Amino acid sequence: MRMHQSSSTAGTIYGVLYPGDAGHKYQNPNSPTVECYTNVTPYDFALIDSLANREEASQMMLHQIDFDDDHKQLLPSLPSTSDLGKFRVSAERHAAYESLWRLLTFTGVVANTAVWLYI
């Protein structure tokens, strides 16, 4: 982050505003002192980066997107507009999930049967 602030080149960054992860009461808080981040919270990043506009920066973050599919930039690798709408699970991953749930179901049935037979 500091590298981009000291750069002398100017440019335009395109993206979508991102409010951060939805919080819940069981999530672990971020620990910036040991650089352990478990969720995306704009407020924490505004404090860490010592942004001048801390009030505004703690509301939303900019998720950078490459809107030009014909001329994609190489580094940093950015998601394109077509990548945002796609969420695909490969056939291998899907088969692994299926096997996992079958094994868990079978184990649960066997455990329940054993409990009911021996009680």
PDB file of N, CA and C in Angstrom:
ATOM      1  N   MET A   1       0.817  -1.184   0.000  1.00  0.00           N
ATOM      2  CA  MET A   1       0.000   0.000   0.000  1.00  0.00           C
ATOM      3  C   MET A   1       0.860   1.245   0.000  1.00  0.00           C
ATOM      4  N   ARG A   2       1.899   1.268   0.788  1.00  0.00           N
ATOM      5  CA  ARG A   2       2.762   2.438   0.866  1.00  0.00           C
ATOM      6  C   ARG A   2       3.490   2.677  -0.467  1.00  0.00           C
ATOM      7  N   MET A   3       3.767   1.598  -1.193  1.00  0.00           N
ATOM      8  CA  MET A   3       4.466   1.734  -2.460  1.00  0.00           C
ATOM      9  C   MET A   3       3.651   2.558  -3.454  1.00  0.00           C
ATOM     10  N   HIS A   4       2.344   2.325  -3.488  1.00  0.00           N
ATOM     11  CA  HIS A   4       1.498   3.048  -4.426  1.00  0.00           C
ATOM     12  C   HIS A   4       1.354   4.508  -4.038  1.00  0.00           C
ATOM     13  N   GLN A   5       1.440   4.824  -2.762  1.00  0.00           N
ATOM     14  CA  GLN A   5       1.309   6.206  -2.330  1.00  0.00           C
ATOM     15  C   GLN A   5       2.521   7.029  -2.725  1.00  0.00           C
ATOM     16  N   SER A   6       3.697   6.408  -2.795  1.00  0.00           N
ATOM     17  CA  SER A   6       4.906   7.153  -3.128  1.00  0.00           C
ATOM     18  C   SER A   6       5.205   7.151  -4.623  1.00  0.00           C
ATOM     19  N   SER A   7       4.389   6.505  -5.401  1.00  0.00           N
ATOM     20  CA  SER A   7       4.604   6.446  -6.839  1.00  0.00           C
ATOM     21  C   SER A   7       4.321   7.798  -7.468  1.00  0.00           C
ATOM     22  N   SER A   8       5.087   8.148  -8.502  1.00  0.00           N
ATOM     23  CA  SER A   8       4.903   9.447  -9.147  1.00  0.00           C
ATOM     24  C   SER A   8       3.959   9.363 -10.341  1.00  0.00           C
ATOM     25  N   THR A   9       3.548   8.156 -10.730  1.00  0.00           N
ATOM     26  CA  THR A   9       2.641   8.035 -11.866  1.00  0.00           C
ATOM     27  C   THR A   9       1.204   8.188 -11.392  1.00  0.00           C
ATOM     28  N   ALA A  10       0.423   8.830 -12.231  1.00  0.00           N
ATOM     29  CA  ALA A  10      -0.996   9.024 -11.910  1.00  0.00           C
ATOM     30  C   ALA A  10      -1.823   8.175 -12.854  1.00  0.00           C
ATOM     31  N   GLY A  11      -2.978   7.792 -12.406  1.00  0.00           N
ATOM     32  CA  GLY A  11      -3.846   6.981 -13.237  1.00  0.00           C
ATOM     33  C   GLY A  11      -5.228   6.919 -12.641  1.00  0.00           C
ATOM     34  N   THR A  12      -6.087   6.218 -13.333  1.00  0.00           N
ATOM     35  CA  THR A  12      -7.460   6.053 -12.883  1.00  0.00           C
ATOM     36  C   THR A  12      -7.664   4.606 -12.477  1.00  0.00           C
ATOM     37  N   ILE A  13      -8.288   4.408 -11.347  1.00  0.00           N
ATOM     38  CA  ILE A  13      -8.592   3.075 -10.859  1.00  0.00           C
ATOM     39  C   ILE A  13     -10.093   2.880 -10.944  1.00  0.00           C
ATOM     40  N   TYR A  14     -10.512   1.779 -11.575  1.00  0.00           N
ATOM     41  CA  TYR A  14     -11.927   1.461 -11.702  1.00  0.00           C
ATOM     42  C   TYR A  14     -12.252   0.270 -10.812  1.00  0.00           C
ATOM     43  N   GLY A  15     -13.443   0.289 -10.251  1.00  0.00           N
ATOM     44  CA  GLY A  15     -13.842  -0.815  -9.398  1.00  0.00           C
ATOM     45  C   GLY A  15     -15.252  -0.638  -8.890  1.00  0.00           C
ATOM     46  N   VAL A  16     -15.610  -1.457  -7.936  1.00  0.00           N
ATOM     47  CA  VAL A  16     -16.922  -1.376  -7.293  1.00  0.00           C
ATOM     48  C   VAL A  16     -16.714  -1.144  -5.803  1.00  0.00           C
ATOM     49  N   LEU A  17     -17.650  -0.437  -5.192  1.00  0.00           N
ATOM     50  CA  LEU A  17     -17.565  -0.198  -3.758  1.00  0.00           C
ATOM     51  C   LEU A  17     -17.985  -1.452  -3.012  1.00  0.00           C
ATOM     52  N   TYR A  18     -17.215  -1.782  -1.996  1.00  0.00           N
ATOM     53  CA  TYR A  18     -17.407  -3.014  -1.237  1.00  0.00           C
ATOM     54  C   TYR A  18     -17.536  -2.648   0.242  1.00  0.00           C
ATOM     55  N   PRO A  19     -18.650  -3.009   0.884  1.00  0.00           N
ATOM     56  CA  PRO A  19     -18.831  -2.609   2.281  1.00  0.00           C
ATOM     57  C   PRO A  19     -18.066  -3.467   3.286  1.00  0.00           C
ATOM     58  N   GLY A  20     -17.395  -4.497   2.847  1.00  0.00           N
ATOM     59  CA  GLY A  20     -16.690  -5.388   3.763  1.00  0.00           C
ATOM     60  C   GLY A  20     -17.512  -6.628   4.037  1.00  0.00           C
ATOM     61  N   ASP A  21     -16.956  -7.515   4.833  1.00  0.00           N
ATOM     62  CA  ASP A  21     -17.641  -8.754   5.170  1.00  0.00           C
ATOM     63  C   ASP A  21     -18.772  -8.491   6.159  1.00  0.00           C
ATOM     64  N   ALA A  22     -19.826  -9.252   6.022  1.00  0.00           N
ATOM     65  CA  ALA A  22     -20.932  -9.157   6.977  1.00  0.00           C
ATOM     66  C   ALA A  22     -20.467  -9.726   8.306  1.00  0.00           C
ATOM     67  N   GLY A  23     -20.632  -8.967   9.349  1.00  0.00           N
ATOM     68  CA  GLY A  23     -20.175  -9.403  10.666  1.00  0.00           C
ATOM     69  C   GLY A  23     -21.214 -10.237  11.391  1.00  0.00           C
ATOM     70  N   HIS A  24     -20.750 -11.092  12.263  1.00  0.00           N
ATOM     71  CA  HIS A  24     -21.620 -11.874  13.125  1.00  0.00           C
ATOM     72  C   HIS A  24     -20.941 -12.012  14.480  1.00  0.00           C
ATOM     73  N   LYS A  25     -21.684 -12.451  15.470  1.00  0.00           N
ATOM     74  CA  LYS A  25     -21.151 -12.444  16.825  1.00  0.00           C
ATOM     75  C   LYS A  25     -20.084 -13.515  17.084  1.00  0.00           C
ATOM     76  N   TYR A  26     -19.943 -14.493  16.204  1.00  0.00           N
ATOM     77  CA  TYR A  26     -18.975 -15.555  16.420  1.00  0.00           C
ATOM     78  C   TYR A  26     -17.662 -15.366  15.658  1.00  0.00           C
ATOM     79  N   GLN A  27     -17.525 -14.283  14.907  1.00  0.00           N
ATOM     80  CA  GLN A  27     -16.303 -14.112  14.130  1.00  0.00           C
ATOM     81  C   GLN A  27     -15.167 -13.618  15.020  1.00  0.00           C
ATOM     82  N   ASN A  28     -13.970 -14.022  14.674  1.00  0.00           N
ATOM     83  CA  ASN A  28     -12.796 -13.579  15.407  1.00  0.00           C
ATOM     84  C   ASN A  28     -12.450 -12.166  14.964  1.00  0.00           C
ATOM     85  N   PRO A  29     -12.103 -11.304  15.893  1.00  0.00           N
ATOM     86  CA  PRO A  29     -11.739  -9.943  15.497  1.00  0.00           C
ATOM     87  C   PRO A  29     -10.362  -9.919  14.840  1.00  0.00           C
ATOM     88  N   ASN A  30     -10.123  -8.895  14.036  1.00  0.00           N
ATOM     89  CA  ASN A  30      -8.810  -8.709  13.431  1.00  0.00           C
ATOM     90  C   ASN A  30      -7.806  -8.315  14.513  1.00  0.00           C
ATOM     91  N   SER A  31      -6.557  -8.756  14.352  1.00  0.00           N
ATOM     92  CA  SER A  31      -5.478  -8.387  15.272  1.00  0.00           C
ATOM     93  C   SER A  31      -4.365  -7.732  14.473  1.00  0.00           C
ATOM     94  N   PRO A  32      -4.476  -6.423  14.246  1.00  0.00           N
ATOM     95  CA  PRO A  32      -3.477  -5.765  13.400  1.00  0.00           C
ATOM     96  C   PRO A  32      -2.083  -5.727  14.007  1.00  0.00           C
ATOM     97  N   THR A  33      -1.969  -5.828  15.324  1.00  0.00           N
ATOM     98  CA  THR A  33      -0.638  -5.769  15.942  1.00  0.00           C
ATOM     99  C   THR A  33       0.206  -6.979  15.577  1.00  0.00           C
ATOM    100  N   VAL A  34      -0.420  -8.132  15.351  1.00  0.00           N
ATOM    101  CA  VAL A  34       0.313  -9.334  14.948  1.00  0.00           C
ATOM    102  C   VAL A  34       0.039  -9.688  13.491  1.00  0.00           C
ATOM    103  N   GLU A  35      -0.576  -8.748  12.771  1.00  0.00           N
ATOM    104  CA  GLU A  35      -0.903  -8.904  11.354  1.00  0.00           C
ATOM    105  C   GLU A  35      -1.721 -10.160  11.087  1.00  0.00           C
ATOM    106  N   CYS A  36      -2.763 -10.360  11.874  1.00  0.00           N
ATOM    107  CA  CYS A  36      -3.675 -11.485  11.709  1.00  0.00           C
ATOM    108  C   CYS A  36      -5.049 -10.925  11.377  1.00  0.00           C
ATOM    109  N   TYR A  37      -5.490 -11.147  10.149  1.00  0.00           N
ATOM    110  CA  TYR A  37      -6.770 -10.626   9.695  1.00  0.00           C
ATOM    111  C   TYR A  37      -7.680 -11.796   9.340  1.00  0.00           C
ATOM    112  N   THR A  38      -8.855 -11.856   9.966  1.00  0.00           N
ATOM    113  CA  THR A  38      -9.789 -12.940   9.717  1.00  0.00           C
ATOM    114  C   THR A  38     -11.001 -12.490   8.920  1.00  0.00           C
ATOM    115  N   ASN A  39     -11.188 -11.183   8.770  1.00  0.00           N
ATOM    116  CA  ASN A  39     -12.312 -10.659   8.002  1.00  0.00           C
ATOM    117  C   ASN A  39     -11.934  -9.306   7.406  1.00  0.00           C
ATOM    118  N   VAL A  40     -12.675  -8.894   6.409  1.00  0.00           N
ATOM    119  CA  VAL A  40     -12.425  -7.622   5.738  1.00  0.00           C
ATOM    120  C   VAL A  40     -13.317  -6.569   6.381  1.00  0.00           C
ATOM    121  N   THR A  41     -12.700  -5.635   7.065  1.00  0.00           N
ATOM    122  CA  THR A  41     -13.423  -4.563   7.723  1.00  0.00           C
ATOM    123  C   THR A  41     -12.805  -3.239   7.290  1.00  0.00           C
ATOM    124  N   PRO A  42     -13.552  -2.402   6.566  1.00  0.00           N
ATOM    125  CA  PRO A  42     -12.992  -1.131   6.109  1.00  0.00           C
ATOM    126  C   PRO A  42     -12.499  -0.247   7.250  1.00  0.00           C
ATOM    127  N   TYR A  43     -13.157  -0.285   8.384  1.00  0.00           N
ATOM    128  CA  TYR A  43     -12.750   0.548   9.512  1.00  0.00           C
ATOM    129  C   TYR A  43     -11.335   0.191   9.976  1.00  0.00           C
ATOM    130  N   ASP A  44     -11.052  -1.108  10.098  1.00  0.00           N
ATOM    131  CA  ASP A  44      -9.718  -1.539  10.538  1.00  0.00           C
ATOM    132  C   ASP A  44      -8.647  -1.097   9.556  1.00  0.00           C
ATOM    133  N   PHE A  45      -8.916  -1.225   8.261  1.00  0.00           N
ATOM    134  CA  PHE A  45      -7.918  -0.854   7.272  1.00  0.00           C
ATOM    135  C   PHE A  45      -7.718   0.651   7.201  1.00  0.00           C
ATOM    136  N   ALA A  46      -8.769   1.423   7.463  1.00  0.00           N
ATOM    137  CA  ALA A  46      -8.622   2.879   7.501  1.00  0.00           C
ATOM    138  C   ALA A  46      -7.728   3.292   8.661  1.00  0.00           C
ATOM    139  N   LEU A  47      -7.842   2.607   9.785  1.00  0.00           N
ATOM    140  CA  LEU A  47      -6.975   2.905  10.931  1.00  0.00           C
ATOM    141  C   LEU A  47      -5.533   2.480  10.679  1.00  0.00           C
ATOM    142  N   ILE A  48      -5.350   1.291  10.122  1.00  0.00           N
ATOM    143  CA  ILE A  48      -4.006   0.761   9.898  1.00  0.00           C
ATOM    144  C   ILE A  48      -3.237   1.616   8.898  1.00  0.00           C
ATOM    145  N   ASP A  49      -3.917   2.021   7.820  1.00  0.00           N
ATOM    146  CA  ASP A  49      -3.245   2.801   6.783  1.00  0.00           C
ATOM    147  C   ASP A  49      -3.166   4.285   7.104  1.00  0.00           C
ATOM    148  N   SER A  50      -3.721   4.691   8.239  1.00  0.00           N
ATOM    149  CA  SER A  50      -3.704   6.097   8.670  1.00  0.00           C
ATOM    150  C   SER A  50      -4.193   7.015   7.568  1.00  0.00           C
ATOM    151  N   LEU A  51      -5.359   6.705   7.036  1.00  0.00           N
ATOM    152  CA  LEU A  51      -5.909   7.500   5.946  1.00  0.00           C
ATOM    153  C   LEU A  51      -6.421   8.826   6.467  1.00  0.00           C
ATOM    154  N   ALA A  52      -6.233   9.867   5.663  1.00  0.00           N
ATOM    155  CA  ALA A  52      -6.660  11.207   6.064  1.00  0.00           C
ATOM    156  C   ALA A  52      -8.177  11.294   6.155  1.00  0.00           C
ATOM    157  N   ASN A  53      -8.867  10.601   5.278  1.00  0.00           N
ATOM    158  CA  ASN A  53     -10.333  10.607   5.276  1.00  0.00           C
ATOM    159  C   ASN A  53     -10.865   9.367   5.987  1.00  0.00           C
ATOM    160  N   ARG A  54     -10.471   9.182   7.235  1.00  0.00           N
ATOM    161  CA  ARG A  54     -10.794   7.976   7.993  1.00  0.00           C
ATOM    162  C   ARG A  54     -12.301   7.757   8.111  1.00  0.00           C
ATOM    163  N   GLU A  55     -13.065   8.833   8.276  1.00  0.00           N
ATOM    164  CA  GLU A  55     -14.521   8.709   8.416  1.00  0.00           C
ATOM    165  C   GLU A  55     -15.146   8.095   7.165  1.00  0.00           C
ATOM    166  N   GLU A  56     -14.764   8.587   5.977  1.00  0.00           N
ATOM    167  CA  GLU A  56     -15.326   8.061   4.729  1.00  0.00           C
ATOM    168  C   GLU A  56     -14.746   6.701   4.389  1.00  0.00           C
ATOM    169  N   ALA A  57     -13.452   6.535   4.626  1.00  0.00           N
ATOM    170  CA  ALA A  57     -12.788   5.280   4.272  1.00  0.00           C
ATOM    171  C   ALA A  57     -13.252   4.116   5.142  1.00  0.00           C
ATOM    172  N   SER A  58     -13.781   4.404   6.314  1.00  0.00           N
ATOM    173  CA  SER A  58     -14.231   3.315   7.180  1.00  0.00           C
ATOM    174  C   SER A  58     -15.616   2.805   6.789  1.00  0.00           C
ATOM    175  N   GLN A  59     -16.253   3.427   5.807  1.00  0.00           N
ATOM    176  CA  GLN A  59     -17.574   2.997   5.352  1.00  0.00           C
ATOM    177  C   GLN A  59     -17.504   1.968   4.227  1.00  0.00           C
ATOM    178  N   MET A  60     -16.645   2.196   3.251  1.00  0.00           N
ATOM    179  CA  MET A  60     -16.563   1.342   2.061  1.00  0.00           C
ATOM    180  C   MET A  60     -15.113   1.174   1.632  1.00  0.00           C
ATOM    181  N   MET A  61     -14.872   0.125   0.854  1.00  0.00           N
ATOM    182  CA  MET A  61     -13.574  -0.106   0.229  1.00  0.00           C
ATOM    183  C   MET A  61     -13.790  -0.202  -1.275  1.00  0.00           C
ATOM    184  N   LEU A  62     -12.742   0.020  -2.039  1.00  0.00           N
ATOM    185  CA  LEU A  62     -12.826  -0.103  -3.485  1.00  0.00           C
ATOM    186  C   LEU A  62     -12.234  -1.443  -3.895  1.00  0.00           C
ATOM    187  N   HIS A  63     -13.041  -2.270  -4.524  1.00  0.00           N
ATOM    188  CA  HIS A  63     -12.586  -3.560  -5.056  1.00  0.00           C
ATOM    189  C   HIS A  63     -12.229  -3.313  -6.520  1.00  0.00           C
ATOM    190  N   GLN A  64     -10.937  -3.295  -6.825  1.00  0.00           N
ATOM    191  CA  GLN A  64     -10.475  -2.934  -8.163  1.00  0.00           C
ATOM    192  C   GLN A  64     -10.823  -4.023  -9.164  1.00  0.00           C
ATOM    193  N   ILE A  65     -11.354  -3.598 -10.319  1.00  0.00           N
ATOM    194  CA  ILE A  65     -11.780  -4.509 -11.377  1.00  0.00           C
ATOM    195  C   ILE A  65     -11.230  -4.013 -12.699  1.00  0.00           C
ATOM    196  N   ASP A  66     -10.846  -4.934 -13.554  1.00  0.00           N
ATOM    197  CA  ASP A  66     -10.392  -4.601 -14.898  1.00  0.00           C
ATOM    198  C   ASP A  66     -11.599  -4.651 -15.828  1.00  0.00           C
ATOM    199  N   PHE A  67     -12.095  -3.493 -16.249  1.00  0.00           N
ATOM    200  CA  PHE A  67     -13.288  -3.426 -17.089  1.00  0.00           C
ATOM    201  C   PHE A  67     -12.987  -3.661 -18.566  1.00  0.00           C
ATOM    202  N   ASP A  68     -11.730  -3.654 -18.967  1.00  0.00           N
ATOM    203  CA  ASP A  68     -11.365  -3.827 -20.367  1.00  0.00           C
ATOM    204  C   ASP A  68     -10.943  -5.277 -20.599  1.00  0.00           C
ATOM    205  N   ASP A  69     -11.866  -6.097 -21.103  1.00  0.00           N
ATOM    206  CA  ASP A  69     -11.570  -7.516 -21.327  1.00  0.00           C
ATOM    207  C   ASP A  69     -10.620  -7.739 -22.495  1.00  0.00           C
ATOM    208  N   ASP A  70     -10.568  -6.796 -23.427  1.00  0.00           N
ATOM    209  CA  ASP A  70      -9.703  -6.960 -24.601  1.00  0.00           C
ATOM    210  C   ASP A  70      -8.233  -6.721 -24.269  1.00  0.00           C
ATOM    211  N   HIS A  71      -7.952  -5.827 -23.357  1.00  0.00           N
ATOM    212  CA  HIS A  71      -6.570  -5.484 -23.005  1.00  0.00           C
ATOM    213  C   HIS A  71      -6.373  -5.670 -21.503  1.00  0.00           C
ATOM    214  N   LYS A  72      -6.309  -6.912 -21.080  1.00  0.00           N
ATOM    215  CA  LYS A  72      -6.136  -7.182 -19.653  1.00  0.00           C
ATOM    216  C   LYS A  72      -4.707  -6.880 -19.232  1.00  0.00           C
ATOM    217  N   GLN A  73      -4.581  -6.278 -18.067  1.00  0.00           N
ATOM    218  CA  GLN A  73      -3.240  -6.037 -17.547  1.00  0.00           C
ATOM    219  C   GLN A  73      -2.725  -7.304 -16.877  1.00  0.00           C
ATOM    220  N   LEU A  74      -1.413  -7.491 -16.905  1.00  0.00           N
ATOM    221  CA  LEU A  74      -0.826  -8.718 -16.382  1.00  0.00           C
ATOM    222  C   LEU A  74      -0.638  -8.667 -14.871  1.00  0.00           C
ATOM    223  N   LEU A  75       0.028  -7.632 -14.389  1.00  0.00           N
ATOM    224  CA  LEU A  75       0.276  -7.526 -12.955  1.00  0.00           C
ATOM    225  C   LEU A  75      -0.150  -6.161 -12.466  1.00  0.00           C
ATOM    226  N   PRO A  76      -0.842  -6.020 -11.423  1.00  0.00           N
ATOM    227  CA  PRO A  76      -1.405  -7.095 -10.622  1.00  0.00           C
ATOM    228  C   PRO A  76      -2.578  -7.751 -11.332  1.00  0.00           C
ATOM    229  N   SER A  77      -2.761  -9.005 -11.092  1.00  0.00           N
ATOM    230  CA  SER A  77      -3.852  -9.757 -11.694  1.00  0.00           C
ATOM    231  C   SER A  77      -5.168  -9.297 -11.080  1.00  0.00           C
ATOM    232  N   LEU A  78      -6.057  -8.796 -11.910  1.00  0.00           N
ATOM    233  CA  LEU A  78      -7.333  -8.265 -11.432  1.00  0.00           C
ATOM    234  C   LEU A  78      -8.486  -9.084 -11.981  1.00  0.00           C
ATOM    235  N   PRO A  79      -9.569  -9.205 -11.228  1.00  0.00           N
ATOM    236  CA  PRO A  79     -10.745  -9.872 -11.786  1.00  0.00           C
ATOM    237  C   PRO A  79     -11.391  -8.986 -12.839  1.00  0.00           C
ATOM    238  N   SER A  80     -11.963  -9.600 -13.849  1.00  0.00           N
ATOM    239  CA  SER A  80     -12.670  -8.839 -14.877  1.00  0.00           C
ATOM    240  C   SER A  80     -14.159  -8.840 -14.553  1.00  0.00           C
ATOM    241  N   THR A  81     -14.923  -8.112 -15.337  1.00  0.00           N
ATOM    242  CA  THR A  81     -16.365  -8.045 -15.097  1.00  0.00           C
ATOM    243  C   THR A  81     -17.010  -9.412 -15.299  1.00  0.00           C
ATOM    244  N   SER A  82     -16.482 -10.218 -16.215  1.00  0.00           N
ATOM    245  CA  SER A  82     -17.061 -11.552 -16.414  1.00  0.00           C
ATOM    246  C   SER A  82     -16.720 -12.482 -15.251  1.00  0.00           C
ATOM    247  N   ASP A  83     -15.599 -12.240 -14.561  1.00  0.00           N
ATOM    248  CA  ASP A  83     -15.226 -13.069 -13.412  1.00  0.00           C
ATOM    249  C   ASP A  83     -16.123 -12.831 -12.206  1.00  0.00           C
ATOM    250  N   LEU A  84     -16.709 -11.655 -12.099  1.00  0.00           N
ATOM    251  CA  LEU A  84     -17.540 -11.346 -10.940  1.00  0.00           C
ATOM    252  C   LEU A  84     -18.818 -12.159 -10.914  1.00  0.00           C
ATOM    253  N   GLY A  85     -19.364 -12.462 -12.090  1.00  0.00           N
ATOM    254  CA  GLY A  85     -20.617 -13.209 -12.156  1.00  0.00           C
ATOM    255  C   GLY A  85     -20.447 -14.705 -12.172  1.00  0.00           C
ATOM    256  N   LYS A  86     -19.206 -15.174 -12.313  1.00  0.00           N
ATOM    257  CA  LYS A  86     -18.965 -16.609 -12.401  1.00  0.00           C
ATOM    258  C   LYS A  86     -18.535 -17.169 -11.059  1.00  0.00           C
ATOM    259  N   PHE A  87     -19.177 -18.204 -10.652  1.00  0.00           N
ATOM    260  CA  PHE A  87     -18.705 -18.981  -9.512  1.00  0.00           C
ATOM    261  C   PHE A  87     -18.939 -20.428  -9.893  1.00  0.00           C
ATOM    262  N   ARG A  88     -17.891 -21.077 -10.283  1.00  0.00           N
ATOM    263  CA  ARG A  88     -18.016 -22.453 -10.761  1.00  0.00           C
ATOM    264  C   ARG A  88     -17.252 -23.391  -9.860  1.00  0.00           C
ATOM    265  N   VAL A  89     -17.836 -24.544  -9.666  1.00  0.00           N
ATOM    266  CA  VAL A  89     -17.184 -25.603  -8.918  1.00  0.00           C
ATOM    267  C   VAL A  89     -16.828 -26.687  -9.920  1.00  0.00           C
ATOM    268  N   SER A  90     -15.562 -27.073  -9.945  1.00  0.00           N
ATOM    269  CA  SER A  90     -15.127 -28.085 -10.896  1.00  0.00           C
ATOM    270  C   SER A  90     -15.780 -29.429 -10.567  1.00  0.00           C
ATOM    271  N   ALA A  91     -15.783 -30.314 -11.547  1.00  0.00           N
ATOM    272  CA  ALA A  91     -16.393 -31.633 -11.350  1.00  0.00           C
ATOM    273  C   ALA A  91     -15.661 -32.424 -10.264  1.00  0.00           C
ATOM    274  N   GLU A  92     -14.342 -32.263 -10.213  1.00  0.00           N
ATOM    275  CA  GLU A  92     -13.567 -32.976  -9.196  1.00  0.00           C
ATOM    276  C   GLU A  92     -13.908 -32.482  -7.798  1.00  0.00           C
ATOM    277  N   ARG A  93     -14.023 -31.159  -7.649  1.00  0.00           N
ATOM    278  CA  ARG A  93     -14.356 -30.590  -6.350  1.00  0.00           C
ATOM    279  C   ARG A  93     -15.768 -31.003  -5.935  1.00  0.00           C
ATOM    280  N   HIS A  94     -16.687 -30.996  -6.890  1.00  0.00           N
ATOM    281  CA  HIS A  94     -18.055 -31.396  -6.607  1.00  0.00           C
ATOM    282  C   HIS A  94     -18.106 -32.865  -6.157  1.00  0.00           C
ATOM    283  N   ALA A  95     -17.342 -33.721  -6.821  1.00  0.00           N
ATOM    284  CA  ALA A  95     -17.289 -35.140  -6.437  1.00  0.00           C
ATOM    285  C   ALA A  95     -16.687 -35.300  -5.047  1.00  0.00           C
ATOM    286  N   ALA A  96     -15.683 -34.483  -4.715  1.00  0.00           N
ATOM    287  CA  ALA A  96     -15.087 -34.553  -3.382  1.00  0.00           C
ATOM    288  C   ALA A  96     -16.100 -34.144  -2.316  1.00  0.00           C
ATOM    289  N   TYR A  97     -16.883 -33.091  -2.576  1.00  0.00           N
ATOM    290  CA  TYR A  97     -17.931 -32.695  -1.633  1.00  0.00           C
ATOM    291  C   TYR A  97     -18.969 -33.806  -1.465  1.00  0.00           C
ATOM    292  N   GLU A  98     -19.344 -34.423  -2.576  1.00  0.00           N
ATOM    293  CA  GLU A  98     -20.332 -35.502  -2.520  1.00  0.00           C
ATOM    294  C   GLU A  98     -19.807 -36.655  -1.666  1.00  0.00           C
ATOM    295  N   SER A  99     -18.554 -37.029  -1.879  1.00  0.00           N
ATOM    296  CA  SER A  99     -17.961 -38.121  -1.097  1.00  0.00           C
ATOM    297  C   SER A  99     -17.899 -37.769   0.386  1.00  0.00           C
ATOM    298  N   LEU A 100     -17.555 -36.532   0.670  1.00  0.00           N
ATOM    299  CA  LEU A 100     -17.484 -36.096   2.057  1.00  0.00           C
ATOM    300  C   LEU A 100     -18.849 -36.211   2.734  1.00  0.00           C
ATOM    301  N   TRP A 101     -19.885 -35.700   2.089  1.00  0.00           N
ATOM    302  CA  TRP A 101     -21.212 -35.744   2.697  1.00  0.00           C
ATOM    303  C   TRP A 101     -21.755 -37.169   2.795  1.00  0.00           C
ATOM    304  N   ARG A 102     -21.443 -38.012   1.831  1.00  0.00           N
ATOM    305  CA  ARG A 102     -21.854 -39.423   1.936  1.00  0.00           C
ATOM    306  C   ARG A 102     -21.175 -40.097   3.122  1.00  0.00           C
ATOM    307  N   LEU A 103     -19.888 -39.849   3.285  1.00  0.00           N
ATOM    308  CA  LEU A 103     -19.144 -40.435   4.396  1.00  0.00           C
ATOM    309  C   LEU A 103     -19.679 -39.929   5.732  1.00  0.00           C
ATOM    310  N   LEU A 104     -19.940 -38.628   5.837  1.00  0.00           N
ATOM    311  CA  LEU A 104     -20.473 -38.073   7.079  1.00  0.00           C
ATOM    312  C   LEU A 104     -21.855 -38.637   7.391  1.00  0.00           C
ATOM    313  N   THR A 105     -22.698 -38.777   6.381  1.00  0.00           N
ATOM    314  CA  THR A 105     -24.033 -39.342   6.588  1.00  0.00           C
ATOM    315  C   THR A 105     -23.942 -40.794   7.037  1.00  0.00           C
ATOM    316  N   PHE A 106     -23.109 -41.575   6.380  1.00  0.00           N
ATOM    317  CA  PHE A 106     -22.934 -42.979   6.740  1.00  0.00           C
ATOM    318  C   PHE A 106     -22.399 -43.106   8.155  1.00  0.00           C
ATOM    319  N   THR A 107     -21.417 -42.292   8.501  1.00  0.00           N
ATOM    320  CA  THR A 107     -20.852 -42.325   9.851  1.00  0.00           C
ATOM    321  C   THR A 107     -21.909 -41.961  10.889  1.00  0.00           C
ATOM    322  N   GLY A 108     -22.738 -40.964  10.584  1.00  0.00           N
ATOM    323  CA  GLY A 108     -23.809 -40.578  11.506  1.00  0.00           C
ATOM    324  C   GLY A 108     -24.829 -41.676  11.700  1.00  0.00           C
ATOM    325  N   VAL A 109     -25.198 -42.354  10.621  1.00  0.00           N
ATOM    326  CA  VAL A 109     -26.167 -43.449  10.720  1.00  0.00           C
ATOM    327  C   VAL A 109     -25.578 -44.601  11.545  1.00  0.00           C
ATOM    328  N   VAL A 110     -24.340 -44.952  11.292  1.00  0.00           N
ATOM    329  CA  VAL A 110     -23.697 -46.033  12.040  1.00  0.00           C
ATOM    330  C   VAL A 110     -23.574 -45.653  13.518  1.00  0.00           C
ATOM    331  N   ALA A 111     -23.179 -44.432  13.803  1.00  0.00           N
ATOM    332  CA  ALA A 111     -23.024 -44.006  15.196  1.00  0.00           C
ATOM    333  C   ALA A 111     -24.376 -44.016  15.919  1.00  0.00           C
ATOM    334  N   ASN A 112     -25.416 -43.510  15.272  1.00  0.00           N
ATOM    335  CA  ASN A 112     -26.747 -43.518  15.893  1.00  0.00           C
ATOM    336  C   ASN A 112     -27.266 -44.929  16.113  1.00  0.00           C
ATOM    337  N   THR A 113     -27.039 -45.823  15.151  1.00  0.00           N
ATOM    338  CA  THR A 113     -27.458 -47.217  15.294  1.00  0.00           C
ATOM    339  C   THR A 113     -26.730 -47.868  16.467  1.00  0.00           C
ATOM    340  N   ALA A 114     -25.436 -47.618  16.556  1.00  0.00           N
ATOM    341  CA  ALA A 114     -24.658 -48.200  17.650  1.00  0.00           C
ATOM    342  C   ALA A 114     -25.135 -47.672  19.000  1.00  0.00           C
ATOM    343  N   VAL A 115     -25.445 -46.408  19.084  1.00  0.00           N
ATOM    344  CA  VAL A 115     -25.936 -45.831  20.335  1.00  0.00           C
ATOM    345  C   VAL A 115     -27.268 -46.448  20.718  1.00  0.00           C
ATOM    346  N   TRP A 116     -28.190 -46.576  19.764  1.00  0.00           N
ATOM    347  CA  TRP A 116     -29.511 -47.108  20.082  1.00  0.00           C
ATOM    348  C   TRP A 116     -29.484 -48.613  20.382  1.00  0.00           C
ATOM    349  N   LEU A 117     -28.566 -49.350  19.787  1.00  0.00           N
ATOM    350  CA  LEU A 117     -28.485 -50.787  20.067  1.00  0.00           C
ATOM    351  C   LEU A 117     -27.872 -51.096  21.413  1.00  0.00           C
ATOM    352  N   TYR A 118     -26.950 -50.243  21.861  1.00  0.00           N
ATOM    353  CA  TYR A 118     -26.223 -50.524  23.103  1.00  0.00           C
ATOM    354  C   TYR A 118     -26.785 -49.788  24.311  1.00  0.00           C
ATOM    355  N   ILE A 119     -27.848 -49.030  24.151  1.00  0.00           N
ATOM    356  CA  ILE A 119     -28.432 -48.331  25.307  1.00  0.00           C
ATOM    357  C   ILE A 119     -29.602 -49.109  25.848  1.00  0.00           C
TER     358      ILE A 119
END
